[in-house]
Protein backbone atom coordinates (compact mmCIF):
# COMPACT_ATOMS: atom_id res chain seq x y z
CA MET A 1 0.04 0.38 -0.08
CA ILE A 2 1.35 3.36 -1.11
CA GLU A 3 2.12 6.57 1.51
CA ILE A 4 -0.45 9.04 1.34
CA LEU A 5 1.84 11.56 0.94
CA ALA A 6 4.06 9.93 -1.52
CA ASP A 7 1.46 10.03 -4.60
CA LYS A 8 2.01 13.54 -6.13
CA ASN A 9 -1.71 13.01 -7.68
CA VAL A 10 -3.31 12.91 -3.84
CA ILE A 11 -1.97 16.23 -3.11
CA ASP A 12 -3.14 17.70 -6.15
CA VAL A 13 -6.28 16.49 -5.48
CA ALA A 14 -6.06 17.59 -1.94
CA LYS A 15 -5.64 21.26 -3.00
CA LYS A 16 -8.06 21.81 -5.37
CA THR A 17 -10.57 20.09 -2.87
CA LEU A 18 -9.84 22.52 -0.59
CA LEU A 19 -10.17 25.34 -2.64
CA LYS A 20 -13.39 24.51 -3.34
CA PHE A 21 -14.98 22.86 -0.43
CA ASN A 22 -14.61 23.50 3.35
CA LEU A 23 -14.04 19.86 4.49
CA CYS A 24 -13.14 18.90 8.05
CA THR A 25 -10.27 16.62 8.46
CA SER A 26 -12.16 13.68 8.68
CA CYS A 27 -14.48 14.31 5.07
CA LEU A 28 -11.07 15.18 3.72
CA GLY A 29 -9.53 12.01 4.68
CA ARG A 30 -12.24 9.97 3.47
CA VAL A 31 -11.42 11.23 -0.07
CA PHE A 32 -8.58 8.98 0.36
CA ALA A 33 -9.48 6.24 2.83
CA LYS A 34 -8.25 3.40 0.90
CA ILE A 35 -4.57 4.63 0.63
CA GLU A 36 -2.28 3.98 3.51
CA GLN A 37 -4.19 1.46 5.96
CA GLY A 38 -3.56 1.56 9.82
CA MET A 39 -5.24 4.80 10.21
CA THR A 40 -8.58 6.95 11.04
CA ASN A 41 -9.80 9.03 7.87
CA LYS A 42 -8.95 12.22 10.64
CA GLU A 43 -5.44 10.80 10.66
CA ARG A 44 -5.44 10.74 6.88
CA GLY A 45 -7.05 14.44 6.80
CA ASP A 46 -4.37 15.76 9.71
CA LYS A 47 -1.33 14.15 7.55
CA ILE A 48 -2.49 15.98 4.34
CA ASN A 49 -3.38 19.31 6.14
CA ALA A 50 0.16 19.09 8.02
CA TYR A 51 2.20 18.65 4.35
CA LEU A 52 -0.24 21.12 3.11
CA LYS A 53 1.07 23.37 6.04
CA ARG A 54 -2.88 24.63 6.76
CA ASP A 55 -3.27 26.72 10.05
CA LEU A 56 -6.53 26.82 9.85
CA THR A 57 -8.39 24.24 9.40
CA THR A 58 -12.40 23.62 9.19
CA ASP A 59 -14.18 22.19 12.06
CA ALA A 60 -16.74 19.63 11.75
CA ASP A 61 -19.85 21.48 12.71
CA ASN A 62 -18.35 23.78 9.91
CA CYS A 63 -18.24 21.11 7.18
CA TRP A 64 -19.36 21.38 3.66
CA LEU A 65 -19.98 17.96 3.86
CA CYS A 66 -20.93 16.36 6.99
CA ASN A 67 -22.37 19.52 9.05
CA GLY A 68 -20.96 18.35 12.50
CA LEU A 69 -22.37 14.48 11.64
CA ILE A 70 -18.94 13.51 12.06
CA ASN A 71 -18.98 14.15 15.36
CA GLU A 72 -21.83 12.47 16.20
CA ILE A 73 -20.48 9.40 16.23
CA GLN A 74 -20.09 8.65 20.04
CA HIS A 75 -23.90 10.23 20.90
CA PHE A 76 -25.00 7.26 18.28
CA ALA A 77 -22.85 4.56 19.94
CA ASP A 78 -24.73 5.55 23.28
CA LEU A 79 -28.35 5.52 21.34
CA VAL A 80 -27.51 1.83 20.21
CA ILE A 81 -25.92 0.68 23.42
CA ASN A 82 -29.78 1.98 25.07
CA SER A 83 -31.25 0.36 22.45
CA LEU A 84 -29.88 -2.89 23.04
CA LYS A 85 -30.18 -2.93 26.59
CA ASN A 86 -32.96 -5.69 26.83
CA TYR A 87 -31.63 -8.07 24.22
CA GLU A 88 -28.98 -11.20 24.59
CA PHE A 89 -26.66 -11.52 21.95
CA ASP A 90 -22.63 -12.54 21.45
CA ASN A 91 -22.51 -10.61 17.93
CA PHE A 92 -23.64 -7.25 15.95
CA LEU A 93 -23.36 -5.19 13.04
CA ILE A 94 -23.98 -1.65 12.91
CA GLY A 95 -25.63 -0.05 9.87
CA SER A 96 -26.87 3.41 8.96
CA LYS A 97 -29.04 6.45 7.11
CA ILE A 98 -27.73 9.12 6.20
CA ASP A 99 -30.04 12.57 5.62
CA GLU A 100 -30.27 12.55 1.72
CA ASP A 101 -28.64 16.18 1.53
CA ILE A 102 -25.25 14.71 2.86
CA GLN A 103 -25.24 12.05 0.25
CA ASN A 104 -25.91 14.38 -2.82
CA ARG A 105 -23.18 16.89 -0.99
CA GLU A 106 -20.96 13.36 -1.16
CA GLN A 107 -21.71 12.25 -4.55
CA GLU A 108 -20.58 15.79 -5.84
CA LEU A 109 -17.71 15.90 -3.77
CA PHE A 110 -16.61 12.53 -5.30
CA GLU A 111 -17.30 12.95 -8.76
CA PHE A 112 -15.51 16.48 -8.51
CA THR A 113 -12.17 14.94 -7.10
CA GLY A 114 -12.53 11.89 -9.49
CA SER A 115 -10.56 9.96 -6.73
CA SER A 116 -11.21 6.63 -6.90
CA TYR A 117 -9.72 5.67 -3.59
CA VAL A 118 -13.14 7.37 -1.64
CA GLU A 119 -15.20 5.81 1.03
CA PRO A 120 -18.98 7.03 1.39
CA ILE A 121 -19.28 8.87 5.41
CA LYS A 122 -22.00 5.99 5.62
CA MET A 123 -19.06 3.37 6.02
CA GLU A 124 -16.81 5.22 8.65
CA LEU A 125 -19.81 5.81 10.86
CA ASN A 126 -20.66 2.29 10.89
CA ARG A 127 -17.51 1.37 11.36
CA GLU A 128 -16.33 3.54 13.72
CA ILE A 129 -20.05 2.91 15.75
CA GLY A 130 -19.28 -0.93 15.79
CA LYS A 131 -15.57 -0.14 17.12
CA LEU A 132 -16.97 2.11 19.77
CA LEU A 133 -19.50 -0.72 20.84
CA GLU A 134 -17.21 -3.90 20.84
CA GLU A 135 -14.92 -1.91 23.38
CA ARG A 136 -18.20 -0.49 25.40
CA LEU A 137 -20.25 -4.11 25.35
CA GLU A 138 -16.99 -6.67 24.91
CA LYS A 139 -18.71 -8.33 21.96
CA VAL A 140 -17.84 -8.48 18.16
CA VAL A 141 -19.03 -7.38 15.04
CA ASN A 142 -20.20 -10.39 12.43
CA PHE A 143 -20.91 -9.25 9.07
CA VAL A 144 -22.06 -12.55 7.89
CA ASN A 145 -24.33 -13.49 10.43
CA PRO A 146 -25.16 -10.68 13.44
CA ASP A 147 -27.23 -11.73 16.33
CA ILE A 148 -28.92 -8.03 16.15
CA MET A 149 -28.04 -5.40 13.39
CA ALA A 150 -28.95 -2.02 14.64
CA ILE A 151 -29.90 0.47 12.09
CA VAL A 152 -28.85 4.34 13.15
CA ASP A 153 -31.27 6.99 11.50
CA THR A 154 -28.75 9.91 11.64
CA ALA A 155 -31.14 12.49 10.61
CA TYR A 156 -33.94 11.75 13.27
CA ASP A 157 -31.59 9.99 16.29
CA ASP A 158 -33.57 6.85 16.25
CA VAL A 159 -32.31 3.30 16.06
CA LYS A 160 -34.27 0.64 14.18
CA LEU A 161 -33.26 -3.19 15.40
CA GLN A 162 -33.37 -6.44 13.13
CA ILE A 163 -32.77 -9.61 15.30
CA ASP A 164 -32.06 -12.71 13.90
CA SER A 165 -34.45 -15.85 14.88
CA ILE A 166 -33.59 -18.50 16.75
CA PHE A 167 -34.13 -21.81 15.16
CA ILE A 168 -34.51 -24.97 17.19
CA TYR A 169 -34.52 -28.48 15.73
CA GLY A 170 -36.31 -31.27 17.57
CA ARG A 171 -38.48 -34.00 17.12
CA TYR A 172 -42.09 -34.47 18.05
CA LYS A 173 -44.63 -37.50 19.08
CA LYS A 174 -48.87 -36.86 18.46
CA LEU A 175 -50.19 -38.75 21.25
CA LYS A 176 -53.98 -37.72 20.63
CA ARG A 177 -56.30 -37.47 17.83
CA GLY A 178 -58.05 -34.25 16.62
CA VAL A 179 -54.84 -31.97 17.14
CA PRO A 180 -53.32 -30.10 13.82
CA GLN A 181 -49.31 -29.94 13.61
CA THR A 182 -49.96 -26.28 12.93
CA LYS A 183 -52.56 -23.45 13.72
CA TRP A 184 -56.05 -23.65 11.70
CA TYR A 185 -57.08 -19.81 11.16
CA CYS A 186 -61.25 -19.83 10.92
CA LYS A 187 -61.77 -19.39 6.66
CA VAL A 188 -64.71 -16.62 7.76
CA CYS A 189 -62.29 -14.04 10.01
CA ARG A 190 -59.05 -15.42 9.31
CA GLY A 191 -58.03 -15.36 12.72
CA LYS A 192 -59.53 -12.02 13.90
CA GLY A 193 -62.15 -13.80 15.82
CA CYS A 194 -65.96 -13.81 14.88
CA LYS A 195 -69.42 -15.84 15.96
CA LEU A 196 -68.61 -18.98 14.02
CA CYS A 197 -65.04 -19.93 15.47
CA ASN A 198 -66.18 -18.60 19.13
CA TYR A 199 -64.13 -15.45 18.57
CA THR A 200 -60.71 -17.48 18.85
CA GLY A 201 -59.98 -16.94 15.17
CA LYS A 202 -59.01 -20.52 15.10
CA ILE A 203 -60.87 -23.65 13.87
CA TYR A 204 -58.90 -25.94 16.62
CA ASP A 205 -58.26 -24.50 20.19
CA GLU A 206 -54.39 -25.98 20.29
CA SER A 207 -51.82 -27.15 17.97
CA ILE A 208 -49.00 -28.99 18.12
CA GLU A 209 -46.84 -25.70 17.10
CA GLU A 210 -49.11 -23.78 19.74
CA LEU A 211 -48.34 -25.93 22.55
CA VAL A 212 -44.05 -26.36 21.62
CA GLY A 213 -44.04 -22.41 20.55
CA LYS A 214 -45.74 -21.01 23.72
CA GLN A 215 -43.02 -22.43 25.74
CA PHE A 216 -40.44 -20.73 23.75
CA LEU A 217 -41.91 -17.51 23.30
CA LYS A 218 -42.10 -17.36 27.28
CA TYR A 219 -38.48 -18.15 27.64
CA THR A 220 -37.46 -16.27 24.93
CA LYS A 221 -39.24 -13.03 24.98
CA GLY A 222 -40.11 -13.66 21.36
CA SER A 223 -42.76 -11.34 19.25
CA ASP A 224 -43.81 -14.45 16.82
CA GLU A 225 -42.64 -18.02 15.74
CA THR A 226 -42.82 -20.45 12.31
CA PHE A 227 -43.40 -23.95 12.97
CA HIS A 228 -41.69 -26.06 10.39
CA GLY A 229 -41.94 -29.59 9.95
CA CYS A 230 -40.47 -32.36 7.95
CA GLY A 231 -44.18 -33.24 6.22
CA ARG A 232 -47.71 -33.30 8.20
CA GLU A 233 -49.60 -35.76 9.26
CA ASP A 234 -53.52 -35.30 9.16
CA ILE A 235 -55.08 -34.16 12.47
CA ASP A 236 -57.00 -37.66 12.87
CA VAL A 237 -53.41 -39.50 12.27
CA LEU A 238 -50.96 -40.13 15.81
CA MET A 239 -47.34 -39.70 15.05
CA LEU A 240 -45.58 -42.41 17.40
CA ASP A 241 -41.97 -44.05 17.55
CA ASN A 242 -39.22 -41.80 16.54
CA GLY A 243 -41.48 -38.54 16.57
CA ARG A 244 -41.15 -35.76 13.09
CA PRO A 245 -38.32 -33.79 12.81
CA PHE A 246 -39.43 -30.17 12.78
CA VAL A 247 -37.44 -26.65 13.30
CA LEU A 248 -39.38 -23.89 15.53
CA GLU A 249 -38.38 -20.26 14.44
CA ILE A 250 -38.69 -17.71 16.92
CA LYS A 251 -38.86 -14.31 15.88
CA ASN A 252 -37.06 -11.30 17.57
CA PRO A 253 -35.46 -13.10 20.83
CA LYS A 254 -34.67 -11.06 23.77
CA VAL A 255 -33.02 -13.95 25.01
CA ARG A 256 -31.12 -16.35 23.11
CA LYS A 257 -29.49 -18.64 26.11
CA LEU A 258 -32.15 -21.48 26.66
CA ASP A 259 -31.57 -24.77 28.57
CA LEU A 260 -33.10 -27.01 26.05
CA SER A 261 -33.19 -29.46 28.18
CA ARG A 262 -35.55 -28.09 30.96
CA LEU A 263 -37.62 -26.61 27.99
CA GLU A 264 -37.92 -30.21 26.78
CA ARG A 265 -39.22 -31.38 30.16
CA ILE A 266 -41.71 -28.46 30.22
CA ILE A 267 -42.96 -28.67 27.62
CA ASN A 268 -43.77 -32.60 28.16
CA ALA A 269 -45.07 -32.40 31.58
CA ASN A 270 -47.45 -29.52 30.33
CA ASN A 271 -48.78 -31.86 27.54
CA LYS A 272 -49.03 -35.50 28.82
CA GLY A 273 -51.38 -37.25 26.72
CA THR A 274 -51.18 -35.23 23.88
CA ILE A 275 -47.36 -34.57 22.55
CA GLU A 276 -43.83 -35.53 23.61
CA VAL A 277 -40.75 -33.46 22.13
CA SER A 278 -37.05 -34.82 21.91
CA ASP A 279 -33.71 -34.35 20.44
CA LEU A 280 -33.91 -30.23 21.15
CA ARG A 281 -30.65 -28.45 19.52
CA PHE A 282 -29.95 -25.38 18.41
CA THR A 283 -29.79 -25.31 14.65
CA GLU A 284 -29.64 -22.59 11.37
CA LYS A 285 -31.81 -21.73 8.72
CA GLU A 286 -30.38 -23.95 6.09
CA GLU A 287 -32.12 -26.93 8.19
CA VAL A 288 -35.33 -25.76 7.50
CA MET A 289 -34.59 -26.29 3.91
CA ARG A 290 -33.41 -29.39 4.54
CA ILE A 291 -36.38 -31.08 6.54
CA LYS A 292 -38.95 -29.40 4.12
CA SER A 293 -36.49 -31.12 1.48
CA ALA A 294 -36.44 -34.40 2.55
CA LYS A 295 -37.76 -37.58 1.52
CA PHE A 296 -37.72 -39.55 4.29
CA LYS A 297 -39.28 -42.86 4.34
CA LYS A 298 -42.37 -43.44 6.49
CA THR A 299 -43.95 -46.29 8.19
CA TYR A 300 -47.96 -46.47 9.38
CA HIS A 301 -49.95 -48.81 11.45
CA ILE A 302 -53.09 -49.00 9.51
CA ILE A 303 -56.59 -50.05 10.71
CA ILE A 304 -59.25 -50.84 7.76
CA LYS A 305 -63.10 -51.52 7.52
CA GLY A 306 -64.39 -53.58 4.14
CA GLU A 307 -67.89 -52.99 3.07
CA LYS A 308 -68.30 -57.00 3.82
CA THR A 309 -66.61 -59.79 5.30
CA LEU A 310 -62.57 -59.51 4.24
CA ASN A 311 -60.76 -62.80 2.74
CA LYS A 312 -57.15 -63.06 4.15
CA GLU A 313 -55.80 -64.73 1.66
CA LYS A 314 -56.81 -61.44 -0.93
CA LEU A 315 -55.45 -59.06 1.67
CA LYS A 316 -52.13 -60.82 1.28
CA LYS A 317 -52.40 -61.48 -2.02
CA ALA A 318 -52.76 -57.67 -2.44
CA ALA A 319 -50.04 -56.79 -0.26
CA ARG A 320 -47.50 -58.38 -2.23
CA ARG A 321 -48.57 -56.84 -4.75
CA LEU A 322 -48.41 -52.90 -3.61
CA GLN A 323 -45.29 -54.09 -2.24
CA SER A 324 -42.35 -52.59 -4.67
CA GLU A 325 -45.03 -51.15 -6.48
CA THR A 326 -45.24 -47.51 -7.65
CA ILE A 327 -48.25 -45.82 -7.55
CA LYS A 328 -50.24 -43.21 -9.35
CA GLN A 329 -51.77 -41.00 -7.00
CA PHE A 330 -54.09 -37.94 -8.67
CA THR A 331 -54.84 -35.37 -6.14
CA PRO A 332 -57.01 -36.87 -3.62
CA SER A 333 -60.50 -35.38 -3.63
CA ARG A 334 -60.48 -33.93 -0.05
CA VAL A 335 -57.20 -32.14 -0.36
CA ALA A 336 -57.84 -30.87 -3.81
CA HIS A 337 -59.30 -27.02 -2.68
CA ARG A 338 -55.36 -26.45 -1.62
CA ARG A 339 -53.04 -28.86 -3.43
CA ALA A 340 -52.43 -28.43 -6.98
CA ASN A 341 -54.18 -30.91 -9.25
CA MET A 342 -51.50 -33.44 -10.59
CA VAL A 343 -49.87 -37.09 -10.49
CA ARG A 344 -47.73 -38.16 -7.95
CA GLU A 345 -45.98 -41.42 -8.46
CA LYS A 346 -45.05 -42.63 -5.28
CA LYS A 347 -43.11 -46.19 -4.11
CA ILE A 348 -44.76 -48.82 -1.92
CA TYR A 349 -41.52 -50.53 0.40
CA LYS A 350 -43.43 -52.69 2.20
CA CYS A 351 -47.20 -53.77 2.72
CA ILE A 352 -48.10 -56.50 5.56
CA ILE A 353 -51.25 -58.05 6.62
CA ASN A 354 -51.17 -57.73 10.72
CA SER A 355 -54.29 -59.61 11.22
CA VAL A 356 -58.13 -59.76 9.88
CA GLU A 357 -61.22 -60.24 11.66
CA GLY A 358 -64.40 -60.15 9.77
CA ASN A 359 -64.51 -56.86 7.84
CA ILE A 360 -61.67 -55.64 10.16
CA ALA A 361 -57.89 -56.21 9.21
CA THR A 362 -54.35 -54.02 10.38
CA LEU A 363 -51.70 -53.44 8.04
CA THR A 364 -48.42 -52.29 7.92
CA VAL A 365 -46.59 -50.11 5.26
CA GLU A 366 -43.75 -48.42 4.71
CA SER A 367 -43.76 -45.76 1.61
CA GLU A 368 -42.36 -42.73 -0.29
CA SER A 369 -42.39 -39.28 1.69
CA GLY A 370 -45.75 -37.96 0.26
CA THR A 371 -48.02 -40.74 -0.14
CA TYR A 372 -51.54 -40.76 0.31
CA ILE A 373 -51.96 -43.68 2.57
CA LYS A 374 -56.10 -43.39 2.94
CA GLU A 375 -56.27 -43.05 -1.20
CA LEU A 376 -53.76 -46.36 -1.39
CA ILE A 377 -56.82 -48.08 0.59
CA SER A 378 -59.54 -46.84 -0.59
CA GLY A 379 -58.56 -45.42 -4.30
CA ASP A 380 -60.40 -42.13 -3.91
CA THR A 381 -62.86 -43.59 -6.94
CA GLY A 382 -59.73 -44.42 -9.14
CA ARG A 383 -57.55 -41.39 -8.34
CA THR A 384 -55.31 -43.77 -6.83
CA LYS A 385 -54.01 -46.97 -9.01
CA PRO A 386 -53.29 -49.46 -8.00
CA ASN A 387 -55.15 -49.38 -4.47
CA LEU A 388 -56.14 -51.95 -2.18
CA SER A 389 -59.76 -52.15 -2.72
CA GLU A 390 -59.58 -52.51 -6.33
CA ILE A 391 -57.40 -55.40 -5.93
CA ILE A 392 -59.51 -57.23 -3.48
CA GLY A 393 -62.74 -56.07 -4.96
CA VAL A 394 -64.18 -54.69 -1.82
CA PRO A 395 -64.35 -51.40 -0.73
CA CYS A 396 -62.09 -50.60 2.21
CA LYS A 397 -61.57 -47.48 4.05
CA VAL A 398 -59.44 -46.00 6.56
CA THR A 399 -60.64 -46.00 10.69
CA GLU A 400 -57.43 -45.23 12.39
CA LEU A 401 -54.01 -44.77 11.38
CA ASP A 402 -50.83 -43.73 12.77
CA VAL A 403 -47.19 -43.12 12.12
CA ILE A 404 -44.68 -45.27 13.41
CA ASN A 405 -41.38 -44.61 11.75
CA ILE A 406 -39.79 -41.89 10.06
CA LYS A 407 -36.54 -42.93 8.33
CA GLY A 408 -33.51 -41.60 6.80
CA GLU A 409 -32.48 -38.64 9.82
């Protein structure tokens, strides 16, 4: 890196700039900010002024460009510290919003000088405020993924905070039927509350999302949460065995350090017989995409009912046919209002008949992620082919369905 006074062009540019503009030493130094590292812009400006033997320099308050803004760094740092006092974080980043008039003057200056070494005042403010905060808060600046970003509006002495969400991975078991995975808002009022939903704004009183999320919101003092499940089971289906993977996103948390083992115990104790969570750990946003796009095999325990007595041998023959079969499922009629109409091809890995009594039978089925199991049994008036009802020649329907295993984690 060249020494700032060794470049004659720097001195020439500085001379002509100072003839036209009254600049404080910091604003002068910023015209050549990318020359000679390891010093502040004020130190660069002082070096140039000393070389030019300028006895009278412009005070920042009288600076044509910043109009005293550069002297407000300590004040802005105080504002940020005050805004952060209720938040727990390990690292941060500073941003700023500069008055448009200052930005316009800065653009005029940069165009006049033609210097390729300039630094916008915004960058200097962000850096210098950040340096002060690192020292006073004993925390570090993080340019990639900060816990908190504080944006200083320099014209209005205001600080806006952008809080990075917390992401918690876990698995849940659903032990009671009739509980949806996520909140179901009332179709009429869309969550506002009306007579139809008894002014709750919801179709169902509780959901796995709420039973898990409310404890995390309580302890993090977050503003809201989003529940990201690895698929979902129907409302009347249990989720057993090793549970279903999920990631809970807590938005705008004030507390980031959590005892996840304790929270796991609290959630499970408060929801005995309804849900149970396990394997809680902190994770990152990328894991939401992973579990959303994952194609895990799922194993189901199924109880079916036929319209007449079921023949055990026919059922076993049908199971053998379905095993290792790739079925074609047109969007089921029961979800056609919210899913795209298309044919989905799904692999059936295992189909085992466990018991048959009269018109009741129990099965174990392992299939590809996203298989509509109820339609595999009923056929859904031909929308799923092949299907068990069609193969045995007896219309059947699922009376009880449980997910007993999700493989692939």
